[in-house]
């Protein structure tokens, strides 16, 4: 598994569950998210974690997000920012 730029919220050890490449992953608490009670699990604009995303310049395009989930169901286009915040970029390694 390749897991890059993930936020893990809650108890657990993300990297112990599988073998593979892991970097740019950060543990978080619910209070670090925008508004989990309203199902907004993103990072607030002022979150210091926004500056800690792993560099994705050398990743294949299929690992770079092109859309963002929107409630209640669906997605919206997502332009690549200069710096990615931790979120989720995952794939099975060949």
PDB file of N, CA and C in Angstrom:
ATOM      1  N   UNK A   1       0.844  -1.169   0.000  1.00  0.00           N
ATOM      2  CA  UNK A   1       0.000   0.000   0.000  1.00  0.00           C
ATOM      3  C   UNK A   1       0.887   1.228   0.000  1.00  0.00           C
ATOM      4  N   UNK A   2       0.443   2.249  -0.693  1.00  0.00           N
ATOM      5  CA  UNK A   2       1.089   3.556  -0.644  1.00  0.00           C
ATOM      6  C   UNK A   2       0.058   4.502  -0.030  1.00  0.00           C
ATOM      7  N   UNK A   3       0.383   5.080   1.105  1.00  0.00           N
ATOM      8  CA  UNK A   3      -0.524   5.991   1.799  1.00  0.00           C
ATOM      9  C   UNK A   3       0.221   7.284   2.090  1.00  0.00           C
ATOM     10  N   UNK A   4      -0.228   8.356   1.468  1.00  0.00           N
ATOM     11  CA  UNK A   4       0.450   9.645   1.537  1.00  0.00           C
ATOM     12  C   UNK A   4      -0.572  10.715   1.905  1.00  0.00           C
ATOM     13  N   UNK A   5      -0.188  11.603   2.816  1.00  0.00           N
ATOM     14  CA  UNK A   5      -1.013  12.760   3.184  1.00  0.00           C
ATOM     15  C   UNK A   5      -2.341  12.388   3.835  1.00  0.00           C
ATOM     16  N   UNK A   6      -2.346  11.390   4.688  1.00  0.00           N
ATOM     17  CA  UNK A   6      -3.569  11.021   5.392  1.00  0.00           C
ATOM     18  C   UNK A   6      -3.641  11.684   6.753  1.00  0.00           C
ATOM     19  N   UNK A   7      -4.853  12.021   7.163  1.00  0.00           N
ATOM     20  CA  UNK A   7      -5.122  12.424   8.537  1.00  0.00           C
ATOM     21  C   UNK A   7      -5.772  11.232   9.209  1.00  0.00           C
ATOM     22  N   UNK A   8      -5.251  10.816  10.339  1.00  0.00           N
ATOM     23  CA  UNK A   8      -5.890   9.745  11.088  1.00  0.00           C
ATOM     24  C   UNK A   8      -6.481  10.361  12.346  1.00  0.00           C
ATOM     25  N   UNK A   9      -7.767  10.163  12.529  1.00  0.00           N
ATOM     26  CA  UNK A   9      -8.479  10.752  13.658  1.00  0.00           C
ATOM     27  C   UNK A   9      -8.949   9.613  14.553  1.00  0.00           C
ATOM     28  N   UNK A  10      -8.578   9.676  15.811  1.00  0.00           N
ATOM     29  CA  UNK A  10      -8.970   8.639  16.752  1.00  0.00           C
ATOM     30  C   UNK A  10      -7.799   7.767  17.135  1.00  0.00           C
ATOM     31  N   UNK A  11      -8.099   6.755  17.917  1.00  0.00           N
ATOM     32  CA  UNK A  11      -7.067   5.853  18.405  1.00  0.00           C
ATOM     33  C   UNK A  11      -6.716   4.830  17.328  1.00  0.00           C
ATOM     34  N   UNK A  12      -5.477   4.434  17.311  1.00  0.00           N
ATOM     35  CA  UNK A  12      -5.058   3.419  16.363  1.00  0.00           C
ATOM     36  C   UNK A  12      -3.694   3.738  15.797  1.00  0.00           C
ATOM     37  N   UNK A  13      -3.102   2.740  15.188  1.00  0.00           N
ATOM     38  CA  UNK A  13      -1.789   2.888  14.578  1.00  0.00           C
ATOM     39  C   UNK A  13      -1.931   2.581  13.089  1.00  0.00           C
ATOM     40  N   UNK A  14      -2.078   3.592  12.297  1.00  0.00           N
ATOM     41  CA  UNK A  14      -2.350   3.471  10.870  1.00  0.00           C
ATOM     42  C   UNK A  14      -1.324   2.611  10.146  1.00  0.00           C
ATOM     43  N   UNK A  15      -0.059   2.825  10.406  1.00  0.00           N
ATOM     44  CA  UNK A  15       0.982   2.127   9.658  1.00  0.00           C
ATOM     45  C   UNK A  15       1.188   0.686  10.104  1.00  0.00           C
ATOM     46  N   UNK A  16       0.619   0.275  11.219  1.00  0.00           N
ATOM     47  CA  UNK A  16       0.758  -1.107  11.655  1.00  0.00           C
ATOM     48  C   UNK A  16      -0.228  -2.034  10.945  1.00  0.00           C
ATOM     49  N   UNK A  17      -1.247  -1.493  10.334  1.00  0.00           N
ATOM     50  CA  UNK A  17      -2.289  -2.308   9.711  1.00  0.00           C
ATOM     51  C   UNK A  17      -1.878  -2.864   8.354  1.00  0.00           C
ATOM     52  N   UNK A  18      -0.892  -2.279   7.711  1.00  0.00           N
ATOM     53  CA  UNK A  18      -0.479  -2.723   6.381  1.00  0.00           C
ATOM     54  C   UNK A  18       0.987  -2.385   6.172  1.00  0.00           C
ATOM     55  N   UNK A  19       1.591  -3.058   5.219  1.00  0.00           N
ATOM     56  CA  UNK A  19       2.975  -2.735   4.881  1.00  0.00           C
ATOM     57  C   UNK A  19       2.986  -1.912   3.611  1.00  0.00           C
ATOM     58  N   UNK A  20       4.029  -1.130   3.425  1.00  0.00           N
ATOM     59  CA  UNK A  20       4.135  -0.327   2.222  1.00  0.00           C
ATOM     60  C   UNK A  20       4.840   0.983   2.466  1.00  0.00           C
ATOM     61  N   UNK A  21       4.513   1.969   1.654  1.00  0.00           N
ATOM     62  CA  UNK A  21       5.120   3.297   1.713  1.00  0.00           C
ATOM     63  C   UNK A  21       4.163   4.246   2.424  1.00  0.00           C
ATOM     64  N   UNK A  22       4.642   4.872   3.488  1.00  0.00           N
ATOM     65  CA  UNK A  22       3.827   5.796   4.266  1.00  0.00           C
ATOM     66  C   UNK A  22       4.621   7.071   4.508  1.00  0.00           C
ATOM     67  N   UNK A  23       4.106   8.216   4.087  1.00  0.00           N
ATOM     68  CA  UNK A  23       4.731   9.484   4.467  1.00  0.00           C
ATOM     69  C   UNK A  23       3.714  10.608   4.349  1.00  0.00           C
ATOM     70  N   UNK A  24       3.957  11.665   5.123  1.00  0.00           N
ATOM     71  CA  UNK A  24       3.041  12.802   5.151  1.00  0.00           C
ATOM     72  C   UNK A  24       1.737  12.507   5.862  1.00  0.00           C
ATOM     73  N   UNK A  25       1.699  11.469   6.692  1.00  0.00           N
ATOM     74  CA  UNK A  25       0.492  11.109   7.431  1.00  0.00           C
ATOM     75  C   UNK A  25       0.588  11.674   8.846  1.00  0.00           C
ATOM     76  N   UNK A  26      -0.517  12.225   9.335  1.00  0.00           N
ATOM     77  CA  UNK A  26      -0.501  12.873  10.650  1.00  0.00           C
ATOM     78  C   UNK A  26      -1.704  12.449  11.473  1.00  0.00           C
ATOM     79  N   UNK A  27      -1.498  12.206  12.777  1.00  0.00           N
ATOM     80  CA  UNK A  27      -2.634  11.963  13.659  1.00  0.00           C
ATOM     81  C   UNK A  27      -3.314  13.295  13.976  1.00  0.00           C
ATOM     82  N   UNK A  28      -4.612  13.235  14.194  1.00  0.00           N
ATOM     83  CA  UNK A  28      -5.361  14.451  14.519  1.00  0.00           C
ATOM     84  C   UNK A  28      -6.443  14.114  15.547  1.00  0.00           C
ATOM     85  N   UNK A  29      -6.904  15.135  16.213  1.00  0.00           N
ATOM     86  CA  UNK A  29      -8.037  15.020  17.123  1.00  0.00           C
ATOM     87  C   UNK A  29      -9.247  15.653  16.448  1.00  0.00           C
ATOM     88  N   UNK A  30     -10.436  15.229  16.827  1.00  0.00           N
ATOM     89  CA  UNK A  30     -11.653  15.805  16.238  1.00  0.00           C
ATOM     90  C   UNK A  30     -11.677  17.328  16.334  1.00  0.00           C
ATOM     91  N   UNK A  31     -11.161  17.860  17.446  1.00  0.00           N
ATOM     92  CA  UNK A  31     -11.192  19.312  17.620  1.00  0.00           C
ATOM     93  C   UNK A  31     -10.272  20.033  16.632  1.00  0.00           C
ATOM     94  N   UNK A  32      -9.438  19.300  15.922  1.00  0.00           N
ATOM     95  CA  UNK A  32      -8.555  19.904  14.913  1.00  0.00           C
ATOM     96  C   UNK A  32      -9.242  20.010  13.549  1.00  0.00           C
ATOM     97  N   UNK A  33     -10.428  19.427  13.412  1.00  0.00           N
ATOM     98  CA  UNK A  33     -11.168  19.456  12.150  1.00  0.00           C
ATOM     99  C   UNK A  33     -12.119  20.642  12.128  1.00  0.00           C
ATOM    100  N   UNK A  34     -12.556  21.016  10.948  1.00  0.00           N
ATOM    101  CA  UNK A  34     -13.382  22.222  10.784  1.00  0.00           C
ATOM    102  C   UNK A  34     -14.659  22.161  11.623  1.00  0.00           C
ATOM    103  N   UNK A  35     -15.519  21.178  11.375  1.00  0.00           N
ATOM    104  CA  UNK A  35     -16.777  21.058  12.115  1.00  0.00           C
ATOM    105  C   UNK A  35     -17.324  19.645  11.958  1.00  0.00           C
ATOM    106  N   UNK A  36     -16.737  18.682  12.674  1.00  0.00           N
ATOM    107  CA  UNK A  36     -17.156  17.292  12.493  1.00  0.00           C
ATOM    108  C   UNK A  36     -18.630  17.038  12.798  1.00  0.00           C
ATOM    109  N   UNK A  37     -19.225  17.816  13.710  1.00  0.00           N
ATOM    110  CA  UNK A  37     -20.646  17.618  14.022  1.00  0.00           C
ATOM    111  C   UNK A  37     -21.530  17.981  12.839  1.00  0.00           C
ATOM    112  N   UNK A  38     -21.046  18.851  11.971  1.00  0.00           N
ATOM    113  CA  UNK A  38     -21.773  19.207  10.747  1.00  0.00           C
ATOM    114  C   UNK A  38     -21.243  18.408   9.553  1.00  0.00           C
ATOM    115  N   UNK A  39     -20.456  17.360   9.836  1.00  0.00           N
ATOM    116  CA  UNK A  39     -19.858  16.482   8.826  1.00  0.00           C
ATOM    117  C   UNK A  39     -18.837  17.197   7.943  1.00  0.00           C
ATOM    118  N   UNK A  40     -18.234  18.261   8.464  1.00  0.00           N
ATOM    119  CA  UNK A  40     -17.146  18.949   7.765  1.00  0.00           C
ATOM    120  C   UNK A  40     -15.841  18.466   8.378  1.00  0.00           C
ATOM    121  N   UNK A  41     -15.236  17.457   7.735  1.00  0.00           N
ATOM    122  CA  UNK A  41     -14.038  16.832   8.271  1.00  0.00           C
ATOM    123  C   UNK A  41     -12.759  17.419   7.697  1.00  0.00           C
ATOM    124  N   UNK A  42     -12.857  18.538   7.015  1.00  0.00           N
ATOM    125  CA  UNK A  42     -11.681  19.200   6.474  1.00  0.00           C
ATOM    126  C   UNK A  42     -10.920  19.949   7.551  1.00  0.00           C
ATOM    127  N   UNK A  43      -9.767  20.459   7.158  1.00  0.00           N
ATOM    128  CA  UNK A  43      -8.970  21.279   8.066  1.00  0.00           C
ATOM    129  C   UNK A  43      -9.424  22.730   7.976  1.00  0.00           C
ATOM    130  N   UNK A  44      -9.506  23.436   9.092  1.00  0.00           N
ATOM    131  CA  UNK A  44      -9.797  24.867   9.031  1.00  0.00           C
ATOM    132  C   UNK A  44      -8.692  25.596   8.262  1.00  0.00           C
ATOM    133  N   UNK A  45      -9.007  26.721   7.678  1.00  0.00           N
ATOM    134  CA  UNK A  45      -8.024  27.488   6.898  1.00  0.00           C
ATOM    135  C   UNK A  45      -6.780  27.823   7.702  1.00  0.00           C
ATOM    136  N   UNK A  46      -6.907  28.082   9.006  1.00  0.00           N
ATOM    137  CA  UNK A  46      -5.772  28.483   9.828  1.00  0.00           C
ATOM    138  C   UNK A  46      -5.021  27.297  10.427  1.00  0.00           C
ATOM    139  N   UNK A  47      -5.388  26.081  10.077  1.00  0.00           N
ATOM    140  CA  UNK A  47      -4.732  24.907  10.654  1.00  0.00           C
ATOM    141  C   UNK A  47      -3.251  24.842  10.280  1.00  0.00           C
ATOM    142  N   UNK A  48      -2.375  24.641  11.270  1.00  0.00           N
ATOM    143  CA  UNK A  48      -0.949  24.505  10.953  1.00  0.00           C
ATOM    144  C   UNK A  48      -0.661  23.247  10.133  1.00  0.00           C
ATOM    145  N   UNK A  49      -1.553  22.250  10.156  1.00  0.00           N
ATOM    146  CA  UNK A  49      -1.343  21.039   9.361  1.00  0.00           C
ATOM    147  C   UNK A  49      -1.392  21.312   7.863  1.00  0.00           C
ATOM    148  N   UNK A  50      -1.969  22.433   7.464  1.00  0.00           N
ATOM    149  CA  UNK A  50      -2.033  22.766   6.039  1.00  0.00           C
ATOM    150  C   UNK A  50      -0.650  22.918   5.413  1.00  0.00           C
ATOM    151  N   UNK A  51       0.378  23.109   6.216  1.00  0.00           N
ATOM    152  CA  UNK A  51       1.738  23.307   5.691  1.00  0.00           C
ATOM    153  C   UNK A  51       2.581  22.050   5.763  1.00  0.00           C
ATOM    154  N   UNK A  52       1.986  20.919   6.183  1.00  0.00           N
ATOM    155  CA  UNK A  52       2.756  19.700   6.390  1.00  0.00           C
ATOM    156  C   UNK A  52       2.457  18.588   5.398  1.00  0.00           C
ATOM    157  N   UNK A  53       1.682  18.841   4.383  1.00  0.00           N
ATOM    158  CA  UNK A  53       1.406  17.803   3.392  1.00  0.00           C
ATOM    159  C   UNK A  53       2.674  17.407   2.658  1.00  0.00           C
ATOM    160  N   UNK A  54       2.761  16.149   2.279  1.00  0.00           N
ATOM    161  CA  UNK A  54       3.926  15.659   1.545  1.00  0.00           C
ATOM    162  C   UNK A  54       3.945  16.239   0.139  1.00  0.00           C
ATOM    163  N   UNK A  55       5.132  16.393  -0.412  1.00  0.00           N
ATOM    164  CA  UNK A  55       5.293  16.891  -1.778  1.00  0.00           C
ATOM    165  C   UNK A  55       4.760  15.843  -2.747  1.00  0.00           C
ATOM    166  N   UNK A  56       3.824  16.226  -3.586  1.00  0.00           N
ATOM    167  CA  UNK A  56       3.219  15.286  -4.529  1.00  0.00           C
ATOM    168  C   UNK A  56       3.707  15.500  -5.957  1.00  0.00           C
ATOM    169  N   UNK A  57       4.695  16.339  -6.147  1.00  0.00           N
ATOM    170  CA  UNK A  57       5.162  16.656  -7.499  1.00  0.00           C
ATOM    171  C   UNK A  57       5.625  15.420  -8.260  1.00  0.00           C
ATOM    172  N   UNK A  58       6.209  14.457  -7.572  1.00  0.00           N
ATOM    173  CA  UNK A  58       6.731  13.270  -8.246  1.00  0.00           C
ATOM    174  C   UNK A  58       5.785  12.085  -8.220  1.00  0.00           C
ATOM    175  N   UNK A  59       4.551  12.297  -7.793  1.00  0.00           N
ATOM    176  CA  UNK A  59       3.579  11.213  -7.774  1.00  0.00           C
ATOM    177  C   UNK A  59       2.883  11.092  -9.125  1.00  0.00           C
ATOM    178  N   UNK A  60       2.440   9.888  -9.474  1.00  0.00           N
ATOM    179  CA  UNK A  60       1.666   9.737 -10.711  1.00  0.00           C
ATOM    180  C   UNK A  60       0.371  10.550 -10.640  1.00  0.00           C
ATOM    181  N   UNK A  61      -0.111  11.013 -11.770  1.00  0.00           N
ATOM    182  CA  UNK A  61      -1.325  11.831 -11.799  1.00  0.00           C
ATOM    183  C   UNK A  61      -2.524  11.124 -11.182  1.00  0.00           C
ATOM    184  N   UNK A  62      -2.587   9.780 -11.268  1.00  0.00           N
ATOM    185  CA  UNK A  62      -3.745   9.083 -10.709  1.00  0.00           C
ATOM    186  C   UNK A  62      -3.771   9.115  -9.180  1.00  0.00           C
ATOM    187  N   UNK A  63      -2.701   9.587  -8.551  1.00  0.00           N
ATOM    188  CA  UNK A  63      -2.695   9.747  -7.094  1.00  0.00           C
ATOM    189  C   UNK A  63      -2.969  11.180  -6.658  1.00  0.00           C
ATOM    190  N   UNK A  64      -3.035  12.081  -7.597  1.00  0.00           N
ATOM    191  CA  UNK A  64      -3.304  13.479  -7.261  1.00  0.00           C
ATOM    192  C   UNK A  64      -4.806  13.723  -7.360  1.00  0.00           C
ATOM    193  N   UNK A  65      -5.419  14.172  -6.277  1.00  0.00           N
ATOM    194  CA  UNK A  65      -6.873  14.365  -6.298  1.00  0.00           C
ATOM    195  C   UNK A  65      -7.301  15.356  -7.385  1.00  0.00           C
ATOM    196  N   UNK A  66      -8.380  15.017  -8.062  1.00  0.00           N
ATOM    197  CA  UNK A  66      -8.954  15.895  -9.073  1.00  0.00           C
ATOM    198  C   UNK A  66     -10.341  16.371  -8.660  1.00  0.00           C
ATOM    199  N   UNK A  67     -10.875  15.801  -7.567  1.00  0.00           N
ATOM    200  CA  UNK A  67     -12.209  16.165  -7.096  1.00  0.00           C
ATOM    201  C   UNK A  67     -12.244  16.055  -5.576  1.00  0.00           C
ATOM    202  N   UNK A  68     -13.211  16.748  -4.988  1.00  0.00           N
ATOM    203  CA  UNK A  68     -13.393  16.746  -3.541  1.00  0.00           C
ATOM    204  C   UNK A  68     -14.824  16.317  -3.240  1.00  0.00           C
ATOM    205  N   UNK A  69     -14.997  15.466  -2.235  1.00  0.00           N
ATOM    206  CA  UNK A  69     -16.326  15.016  -1.823  1.00  0.00           C
ATOM    207  C   UNK A  69     -17.152  16.194  -1.332  1.00  0.00           C
ATOM    208  N   UNK A  70     -18.423  16.214  -1.680  1.00  0.00           N
ATOM    209  CA  UNK A  70     -19.349  17.225  -1.171  1.00  0.00           C
ATOM    210  C   UNK A  70     -20.598  16.539  -0.631  1.00  0.00           C
ATOM    211  N   UNK A  71     -21.142  17.087   0.434  1.00  0.00           N
ATOM    212  CA  UNK A  71     -22.376  16.558   1.015  1.00  0.00           C
ATOM    213  C   UNK A  71     -23.576  17.052   0.225  1.00  0.00           C
ATOM    214  N   UNK A  72     -24.656  16.330   0.145  1.00  0.00           N
ATOM    215  CA  UNK A  72     -24.865  15.035   0.788  1.00  0.00           C
ATOM    216  C   UNK A  72     -24.275  13.879  -0.033  1.00  0.00           C
ATOM    217  N   UNK A  73     -24.090  14.102  -1.313  1.00  0.00           N
ATOM    218  CA  UNK A  73     -23.501  13.057  -2.156  1.00  0.00           C
ATOM    219  C   UNK A  73     -22.949  13.738  -3.405  1.00  0.00           C
ATOM    220  N   UNK A  74     -21.769  13.377  -3.781  1.00  0.00           N
ATOM    221  CA  UNK A  74     -21.212  13.955  -4.994  1.00  0.00           C
ATOM    222  C   UNK A  74     -19.793  14.465  -4.803  1.00  0.00           C
ATOM    223  N   UNK A  75     -19.299  15.141  -5.832  1.00  0.00           N
ATOM    224  CA  UNK A  75     -17.958  15.710  -5.812  1.00  0.00           C
ATOM    225  C   UNK A  75     -17.979  17.053  -6.523  1.00  0.00           C
ATOM    226  N   UNK A  76     -16.910  17.799  -6.337  1.00  0.00           N
ATOM    227  CA  UNK A  76     -16.692  19.031  -7.083  1.00  0.00           C
ATOM    228  C   UNK A  76     -15.242  19.028  -7.550  1.00  0.00           C
ATOM    229  N   UNK A  77     -14.944  19.655  -8.678  1.00  0.00           N
ATOM    230  CA  UNK A  77     -13.555  19.681  -9.165  1.00  0.00           C
ATOM    231  C   UNK A  77     -12.624  20.329  -8.149  1.00  0.00           C
ATOM    232  N   UNK A  78     -11.386  19.854  -8.139  1.00  0.00           N
ATOM    233  CA  UNK A  78     -10.392  20.343  -7.198  1.00  0.00           C
ATOM    234  C   UNK A  78      -9.109  20.644  -7.960  1.00  0.00           C
ATOM    235  N   UNK A  79      -8.710  21.896  -7.966  1.00  0.00           N
ATOM    236  CA  UNK A  79      -7.453  22.294  -8.610  1.00  0.00           C
ATOM    237  C   UNK A  79      -6.292  21.965  -7.686  1.00  0.00           C
ATOM    238  N   UNK A  80      -5.163  21.600  -8.256  1.00  0.00           N
ATOM    239  CA  UNK A  80      -3.982  21.291  -7.449  1.00  0.00           C
ATOM    240  C   UNK A  80      -3.434  22.563  -6.812  1.00  0.00           C
ATOM    241  N   UNK A  81      -3.353  22.606  -5.469  1.00  0.00           N
ATOM    242  CA  UNK A  81      -2.781  23.770  -4.802  1.00  0.00           C
ATOM    243  C   UNK A  81      -1.253  23.744  -4.862  1.00  0.00           C
ATOM    244  N   UNK A  82      -0.631  24.829  -4.486  1.00  0.00           N
ATOM    245  CA  UNK A  82       0.831  24.877  -4.427  1.00  0.00           C
ATOM    246  C   UNK A  82       1.351  23.885  -3.386  1.00  0.00           C
ATOM    247  N   UNK A  83       0.640  23.761  -2.266  1.00  0.00           N
ATOM    248  CA  UNK A  83       0.995  22.805  -1.204  1.00  0.00           C
ATOM    249  C   UNK A  83      -0.254  22.044  -0.796  1.00  0.00           C
ATOM    250  N   UNK A  84      -0.179  20.717  -0.829  1.00  0.00           N
ATOM    251  CA  UNK A  84      -1.303  19.914  -0.383  1.00  0.00           C
ATOM    252  C   UNK A  84      -1.320  19.853   1.136  1.00  0.00           C
ATOM    253  N   UNK A  85      -2.501  19.896   1.695  1.00  0.00           N
ATOM    254  CA  UNK A  85      -2.678  19.635   3.120  1.00  0.00           C
ATOM    255  C   UNK A  85      -2.862  18.131   3.278  1.00  0.00           C
ATOM    256  N   UNK A  86      -2.574  17.580   4.453  1.00  0.00           N
ATOM    257  CA  UNK A  86      -2.867  16.163   4.641  1.00  0.00           C
ATOM    258  C   UNK A  86      -4.348  15.907   4.393  1.00  0.00           C
ATOM    259  N   UNK A  87      -4.638  14.891   3.673  1.00  0.00           N
ATOM    260  CA  UNK A  87      -5.992  14.479   3.330  1.00  0.00           C
ATOM    261  C   UNK A  87      -5.968  12.991   3.104  1.00  0.00           C
ATOM    262  N   UNK A  88      -5.957  12.553   1.862  1.00  0.00           N
ATOM    263  CA  UNK A  88      -5.812  11.118   1.592  1.00  0.00           C
ATOM    264  C   UNK A  88      -5.390  10.886   0.161  1.00  0.00           C
ATOM    265  N   UNK A  89      -4.252  10.292  -0.012  1.00  0.00           N
ATOM    266  CA  UNK A  89      -3.760   9.840  -1.323  1.00  0.00           C
ATOM    267  C   UNK A  89      -3.325   8.403  -1.107  1.00  0.00           C
ATOM    268  N   UNK A  90      -4.112   7.454  -1.608  1.00  0.00           N
ATOM    269  CA  UNK A  90      -3.813   6.051  -1.334  1.00  0.00           C
ATOM    270  C   UNK A  90      -3.949   5.221  -2.599  1.00  0.00           C
ATOM    271  N   UNK A  91      -3.138   4.200  -2.693  1.00  0.00           N
ATOM    272  CA  UNK A  91      -3.246   3.225  -3.774  1.00  0.00           C
ATOM    273  C   UNK A  91      -2.550   1.946  -3.342  1.00  0.00           C
ATOM    274  N   UNK A  92      -2.874   0.854  -4.009  1.00  0.00           N
ATOM    275  CA  UNK A  92      -2.134  -0.377  -3.789  1.00  0.00           C
ATOM    276  C   UNK A  92      -0.870  -0.313  -4.595  1.00  0.00           C
ATOM    277  N   UNK A  93       0.220  -0.732  -4.016  1.00  0.00           N
ATOM    278  CA  UNK A  93       1.489  -0.771  -4.750  1.00  0.00           C
ATOM    279  C   UNK A  93       1.446  -1.929  -5.746  1.00  0.00           C
ATOM    280  N   UNK A  94       2.096  -1.757  -6.899  1.00  0.00           N
ATOM    281  CA  UNK A  94       2.094  -2.847  -7.891  1.00  0.00           C
ATOM    282  C   UNK A  94       2.828  -4.068  -7.383  1.00  0.00           C
TER     283      UNK A  94
END
